[in-house]
N, C-alpha and C. Protein backbone atom coordinates (compact mmCIF):
# COMPACT_ATOMS: atom_id res chain seq x y z
N UNK A 1 124.19 101.09 96.10
CA UNK A 1 125.43 101.29 96.79
C UNK A 1 125.28 100.76 98.23
N UNK A 2 126.18 99.91 98.67
CA UNK A 2 126.07 99.34 100.01
C UNK A 2 126.40 100.34 101.11
N UNK A 3 125.84 100.07 102.28
CA UNK A 3 126.11 100.88 103.47
C UNK A 3 126.98 100.03 104.39
N UNK A 4 128.14 100.58 104.75
CA UNK A 4 129.06 99.88 105.63
C UNK A 4 129.04 100.53 107.01
N UNK A 5 129.19 99.69 108.03
CA UNK A 5 129.24 100.19 109.40
C UNK A 5 130.67 100.04 109.92
N UNK A 6 131.18 101.11 110.52
CA UNK A 6 132.55 101.13 111.05
C UNK A 6 132.53 101.45 112.54
N UNK A 7 133.58 101.00 113.23
CA UNK A 7 133.77 101.33 114.64
C UNK A 7 135.23 101.69 114.86
N UNK A 8 135.44 102.77 115.61
CA UNK A 8 136.79 103.19 115.93
C UNK A 8 137.29 102.38 117.12
N UNK A 9 138.48 101.84 116.99
CA UNK A 9 139.07 101.06 118.09
C UNK A 9 139.49 101.99 119.22
N UNK A 10 139.89 103.22 118.89
CA UNK A 10 140.35 104.17 119.89
C UNK A 10 139.23 104.77 120.74
N UNK A 11 138.24 105.41 120.10
CA UNK A 11 137.22 106.13 120.86
C UNK A 11 135.86 105.41 120.92
N UNK A 12 135.72 104.33 120.16
CA UNK A 12 134.47 103.57 120.19
C UNK A 12 133.35 104.16 119.34
N UNK A 13 133.64 105.22 118.60
CA UNK A 13 132.64 105.86 117.72
C UNK A 13 132.17 104.86 116.66
N UNK A 14 130.84 104.76 116.49
CA UNK A 14 130.28 103.91 115.44
C UNK A 14 129.54 104.78 114.45
N UNK A 15 129.70 104.47 113.16
CA UNK A 15 128.99 105.23 112.14
C UNK A 15 128.83 104.39 110.88
N UNK A 16 127.91 104.83 110.03
CA UNK A 16 127.64 104.15 108.77
C UNK A 16 128.07 105.04 107.61
N UNK A 17 128.57 104.41 106.55
CA UNK A 17 129.03 105.14 105.38
C UNK A 17 128.52 104.41 104.14
N UNK A 18 127.96 105.18 103.19
CA UNK A 18 127.54 104.61 101.92
C UNK A 18 128.71 104.75 100.94
N UNK A 19 129.20 103.62 100.47
CA UNK A 19 130.38 103.63 99.59
C UNK A 19 130.22 102.59 98.50
N UNK A 20 130.87 102.83 97.38
CA UNK A 20 130.90 101.85 96.30
C UNK A 20 131.73 100.66 96.74
N UNK A 21 131.42 99.51 96.19
CA UNK A 21 132.18 98.30 96.51
C UNK A 21 133.64 98.45 96.08
N UNK A 22 133.85 99.17 94.98
CA UNK A 22 135.20 99.33 94.44
C UNK A 22 136.06 100.31 95.24
N UNK A 23 135.45 101.12 96.10
CA UNK A 23 136.23 102.09 96.90
C UNK A 23 136.96 101.36 98.02
N UNK A 24 138.14 101.84 98.40
CA UNK A 24 138.88 101.20 99.51
C UNK A 24 138.17 101.44 100.85
N UNK A 25 138.42 100.51 101.78
CA UNK A 25 137.83 100.65 103.12
C UNK A 25 138.40 101.87 103.82
N UNK A 26 137.59 102.45 104.72
CA UNK A 26 138.09 103.54 105.55
C UNK A 26 139.03 102.95 106.59
N UNK A 27 140.06 103.71 106.96
CA UNK A 27 141.03 103.18 107.92
C UNK A 27 141.27 104.11 109.10
N UNK A 28 140.85 105.38 108.99
CA UNK A 28 141.12 106.35 110.04
C UNK A 28 139.82 107.01 110.52
N UNK A 29 139.66 107.08 111.85
CA UNK A 29 138.47 107.70 112.45
C UNK A 29 138.44 109.19 112.15
N UNK A 30 137.29 109.68 111.75
CA UNK A 30 137.17 111.11 111.43
C UNK A 30 137.08 111.97 112.70
N UNK A 31 136.83 111.32 113.84
CA UNK A 31 136.70 112.06 115.11
C UNK A 31 138.04 112.17 115.85
N UNK A 32 138.72 111.02 116.03
CA UNK A 32 139.95 111.04 116.83
C UNK A 32 141.19 110.63 116.04
N UNK A 33 141.01 110.14 114.82
CA UNK A 33 142.16 109.71 114.02
C UNK A 33 142.61 108.30 114.32
N UNK A 34 141.85 107.58 115.18
CA UNK A 34 142.20 106.20 115.52
C UNK A 34 141.91 105.23 114.38
N UNK A 35 142.32 103.99 114.60
CA UNK A 35 142.14 102.95 113.59
C UNK A 35 140.68 102.47 113.58
N UNK A 36 140.14 102.25 112.36
CA UNK A 36 138.76 101.79 112.21
C UNK A 36 138.73 100.31 111.87
N UNK A 37 137.64 99.68 112.25
CA UNK A 37 137.38 98.32 111.78
C UNK A 37 135.97 98.28 111.22
N UNK A 38 135.81 97.57 110.14
CA UNK A 38 134.49 97.46 109.53
C UNK A 38 133.71 96.36 110.23
N UNK A 39 132.48 96.65 110.59
CA UNK A 39 131.63 95.70 111.30
C UNK A 39 130.76 94.94 110.33
N UNK A 40 130.34 93.78 110.75
CA UNK A 40 129.38 93.00 109.98
C UNK A 40 128.01 93.32 110.56
N UNK A 41 127.16 93.92 109.75
CA UNK A 41 125.84 94.33 110.21
C UNK A 41 124.79 93.41 109.60
N UNK A 42 123.69 93.25 110.32
CA UNK A 42 122.60 92.43 109.78
C UNK A 42 121.87 93.20 108.68
N UNK A 43 121.43 92.48 107.69
CA UNK A 43 120.72 93.10 106.59
C UNK A 43 119.23 92.80 106.71
N UNK A 44 118.43 93.59 106.07
CA UNK A 44 117.00 93.32 106.06
C UNK A 44 116.53 93.25 104.61
N UNK A 45 116.12 92.06 104.22
CA UNK A 45 115.58 91.88 102.88
C UNK A 45 114.62 90.70 102.91
N UNK A 46 113.74 90.67 101.94
CA UNK A 46 112.73 89.63 101.86
C UNK A 46 112.89 88.88 100.55
N UNK A 47 112.89 87.58 100.62
CA UNK A 47 112.98 86.76 99.42
C UNK A 47 111.57 86.51 98.91
N UNK A 48 111.23 87.09 97.75
CA UNK A 48 109.89 86.94 97.19
C UNK A 48 109.96 86.18 95.88
N UNK A 49 108.86 85.55 95.54
CA UNK A 49 108.77 84.85 94.27
C UNK A 49 109.26 83.43 94.37
N UNK A 50 109.26 82.76 93.24
CA UNK A 50 109.71 81.37 93.23
C UNK A 50 111.22 81.33 93.07
N UNK A 51 111.76 80.16 93.27
CA UNK A 51 113.20 80.00 93.13
C UNK A 51 113.93 80.00 94.45
N UNK A 52 113.21 80.17 95.54
CA UNK A 52 113.83 80.14 96.87
C UNK A 52 113.39 78.87 97.58
N UNK A 53 114.20 78.36 98.43
CA UNK A 53 113.92 77.11 99.12
C UNK A 53 112.58 77.15 99.84
N UNK A 54 112.29 78.25 100.52
CA UNK A 54 111.08 78.32 101.33
C UNK A 54 109.81 78.27 100.47
N UNK A 55 109.87 78.74 99.22
CA UNK A 55 108.69 78.70 98.36
C UNK A 55 108.63 77.43 97.52
N UNK A 56 109.76 76.89 97.15
CA UNK A 56 109.78 75.72 96.29
C UNK A 56 109.78 74.40 97.04
N UNK A 57 110.31 74.37 98.23
CA UNK A 57 110.41 73.13 99.01
C UNK A 57 109.91 73.35 100.44
N UNK A 58 108.66 73.75 100.61
CA UNK A 58 108.19 74.04 101.96
C UNK A 58 107.98 72.76 102.78
N UNK A 59 107.97 72.93 104.09
CA UNK A 59 107.72 71.81 104.99
C UNK A 59 106.25 71.38 104.88
N UNK A 60 105.93 70.24 105.44
CA UNK A 60 104.55 69.74 105.39
C UNK A 60 103.59 70.71 106.07
N UNK A 61 103.99 71.29 107.20
CA UNK A 61 103.14 72.25 107.91
C UNK A 61 102.89 73.49 107.06
N UNK A 62 103.92 73.95 106.38
CA UNK A 62 103.78 75.13 105.53
C UNK A 62 102.85 74.83 104.35
N UNK A 63 102.97 73.65 103.77
CA UNK A 63 102.09 73.26 102.66
C UNK A 63 100.63 73.27 103.11
N UNK A 64 100.37 72.72 104.31
CA UNK A 64 99.01 72.70 104.83
C UNK A 64 98.48 74.12 105.04
N UNK A 65 99.32 75.00 105.59
CA UNK A 65 98.90 76.38 105.83
C UNK A 65 98.59 77.10 104.52
N UNK A 66 99.40 76.87 103.50
CA UNK A 66 99.17 77.49 102.19
C UNK A 66 97.86 76.99 101.60
N UNK A 67 97.60 75.68 101.70
CA UNK A 67 96.36 75.11 101.19
C UNK A 67 95.14 75.68 101.92
N UNK A 68 95.24 75.83 103.25
CA UNK A 68 94.13 76.41 104.02
C UNK A 68 93.86 77.84 103.58
N UNK A 69 94.93 78.58 103.34
CA UNK A 69 94.77 79.97 102.90
C UNK A 69 94.09 80.03 101.54
N UNK A 70 94.53 79.18 100.61
CA UNK A 70 93.91 79.14 99.28
C UNK A 70 92.44 78.78 99.37
N UNK A 71 92.11 77.78 100.21
CA UNK A 71 90.73 77.35 100.37
C UNK A 71 89.87 78.47 100.94
N UNK A 72 90.38 79.16 101.95
CA UNK A 72 89.59 80.25 102.55
C UNK A 72 89.42 81.41 101.58
N UNK A 73 90.43 81.69 100.76
CA UNK A 73 90.30 82.76 99.76
C UNK A 73 89.28 82.39 98.70
N UNK A 74 89.27 81.11 98.30
CA UNK A 74 88.31 80.65 97.30
C UNK A 74 86.89 80.77 97.85
N UNK A 75 86.69 80.39 99.12
CA UNK A 75 85.37 80.51 99.75
C UNK A 75 84.92 81.96 99.81
N UNK A 76 85.84 82.87 100.12
CA UNK A 76 85.52 84.29 100.17
C UNK A 76 85.12 84.80 98.79
N UNK A 77 85.84 84.36 97.76
CA UNK A 77 85.54 84.79 96.39
C UNK A 77 84.16 84.31 95.96
N UNK A 78 83.81 83.05 96.28
CA UNK A 78 82.51 82.50 95.93
C UNK A 78 81.40 83.25 96.67
N UNK A 79 81.61 83.50 97.95
CA UNK A 79 80.63 84.22 98.75
C UNK A 79 80.44 85.64 98.22
N UNK A 80 81.52 86.31 97.89
CA UNK A 80 81.47 87.67 97.37
C UNK A 80 80.74 87.71 96.04
N UNK A 81 80.99 86.73 95.19
CA UNK A 81 80.34 86.68 93.88
C UNK A 81 78.84 86.45 94.03
N UNK A 82 78.45 85.57 94.94
CA UNK A 82 77.02 85.31 95.13
C UNK A 82 76.33 86.52 95.74
N UNK A 83 77.00 87.25 96.63
CA UNK A 83 76.41 88.46 97.21
C UNK A 83 76.24 89.54 96.15
N UNK A 84 77.20 89.68 95.26
CA UNK A 84 77.10 90.71 94.23
C UNK A 84 76.02 90.34 93.23
N UNK A 85 75.83 89.05 92.94
CA UNK A 85 74.76 88.62 92.05
C UNK A 85 73.40 88.91 92.67
N UNK A 86 73.26 88.68 93.97
CA UNK A 86 72.01 88.97 94.67
C UNK A 86 71.73 90.46 94.65
N UNK A 87 72.74 91.27 94.89
CA UNK A 87 72.60 92.72 94.88
C UNK A 87 72.19 93.21 93.49
N UNK A 88 72.80 92.63 92.44
CA UNK A 88 72.47 93.02 91.07
C UNK A 88 71.02 92.68 90.74
N UNK A 89 70.56 91.50 91.15
CA UNK A 89 69.18 91.12 90.86
C UNK A 89 68.19 92.02 91.61
N UNK A 90 68.53 92.44 92.82
CA UNK A 90 67.66 93.36 93.58
C UNK A 90 67.60 94.71 92.90
N UNK A 91 68.72 95.17 92.36
CA UNK A 91 68.74 96.45 91.65
C UNK A 91 67.89 96.39 90.40
N UNK A 92 67.96 95.25 89.67
CA UNK A 92 67.16 95.09 88.47
C UNK A 92 65.68 95.11 88.80
N UNK A 93 65.29 94.46 89.90
CA UNK A 93 63.90 94.43 90.31
C UNK A 93 63.41 95.82 90.69
N UNK A 94 64.27 96.59 91.34
CA UNK A 94 63.90 97.95 91.75
C UNK A 94 63.73 98.85 90.51
N UNK A 95 64.54 98.64 89.51
CA UNK A 95 64.45 99.44 88.29
C UNK A 95 63.16 99.11 87.53
N UNK A 96 62.75 97.85 87.53
CA UNK A 96 61.53 97.42 86.84
C UNK A 96 60.28 98.02 87.49
N UNK A 97 60.30 98.23 88.79
CA UNK A 97 59.13 98.74 89.50
C UNK A 97 58.98 100.20 89.40
């Protein structure tokens, strides 16, 4: 259900109301009875996944940054795997002794 922001023209009162899209707009201020106008408020949402311009058609700089990130993650994974293999071999040696 969307949240709409209203402002009273008479007293300047601003408030938000959660209403169905199918419900009619509010027209009267609950404080002074003045006329209301619905405001356009900024929304906050994040576009995730593929299918968006920023993920499917990135700029050259963005492509380079993504590649650097992938490369650094791969290096971390390789380093982590080699450290865990070393730790495992040390544990095996300790168990044998």
